Amino acid sequence: MSDPAHPHPSNAKLYGLLALMLLLWSANYIVGKVILREVPAVLASGLRLLFSSLGMVPIYLWSRHRGVSQPHPGRSLLKLSLLGIIGVGLNQLTFLAGLSRTSVGHGALIIALTPALVLLIAALVGLEKINRWKLGGLALAIAGVGVLQLQPGKFEGASLLGDFLMFLCALSFAGFTVAGKGITARFDTVTVTTFAYCASGLTVSPVILAYYRDFPFASISALSWTAMIYMAWIPSLLGLSIYYYALRYIPASRVSLQSYAQPLVATLLAVVLLGEPITAGLLASGGLVLSGVFVAGRR
């Protein structure tokens, strides 16, 4: 029975919002490339974390006022903060550092490994059991990354180091997902996100900004500052809001399907806006990675 106070939205609205979310998250790679033309990756990461934490504070206070969020994590504050530094701080640092050394196509495909890495880590710590289907899916995904690295004539902009940093980005978030499974289940999304971002913003950002204190900030263009704000707020705040709104009405398995389309959309945007080429190796790798992640997550 539907709730009269919260009528079920139309499928057109729900899937339209999911399409918008997919576009926002895919555009994150393009926006990152724009920022990296003027700002070093490490400095950009520090600024992004700072802006993200500042953006989350009013949302958290508003959520508390509405009675949706807990007033304080209490004894879990330290654990939640440490998880945030790893799952948010390290994740965002390696994302921009990797993106500065690899192509959008490579980066998006490697980030698509995240669900498979979550499964693998959960199995290693005894939270999941791996059957032959999941094992086969993991093998396919890993083979896809291998094809990505072995393709001949790798074009300018992609490198082994950049791909490895993107892998660390995916691995850090996968570790955060598994390690924080218990604690994140006890708190609402806004509380977890706020303290994770603020812990990273208060610890990582000051160190980075102190190191780059002599950087000519006045030379950063308005376009790059706008891109920085976009990356800090839009994909995280608006994108996650759409994600959790959709989960209220659509099964998680359907909502998660966007993760399979994201590498395709990000790559197409890079082709149109950045002039990145689509190679046979990239297509073969994409097929293996996405097929492997799909099989591992569905069995």
Foldseek 3Di string as FASTA:
>chain_A
DADPVDGDDDPCVLVVLLVVLLLLVLCLLVLLVVLVVADPLLLLLLLLLQLLLVVLVVVQVVCVVVVNFDPDLPPCLVVLLVLLCQQPVLLSSLLSVLSQQAPLLLLLLLLLCLLLLLQVVCVVVPNDDDDPLLVQLNVLQVVLNVLVVPDPPDDPRHDPVSSVSSNSSSNSNSVSCNVCVVVPVVTDPSNSSNSSSVSNNVPSNVVSCVVCVVPPPVPDDPSSVVSSSSSNDVSPPVSVVSLVVSVVPDPPVVSVCSSLCSSVSSVVCCCVPVVDDDDPSSVSSSVRNSSSSVSSVPD
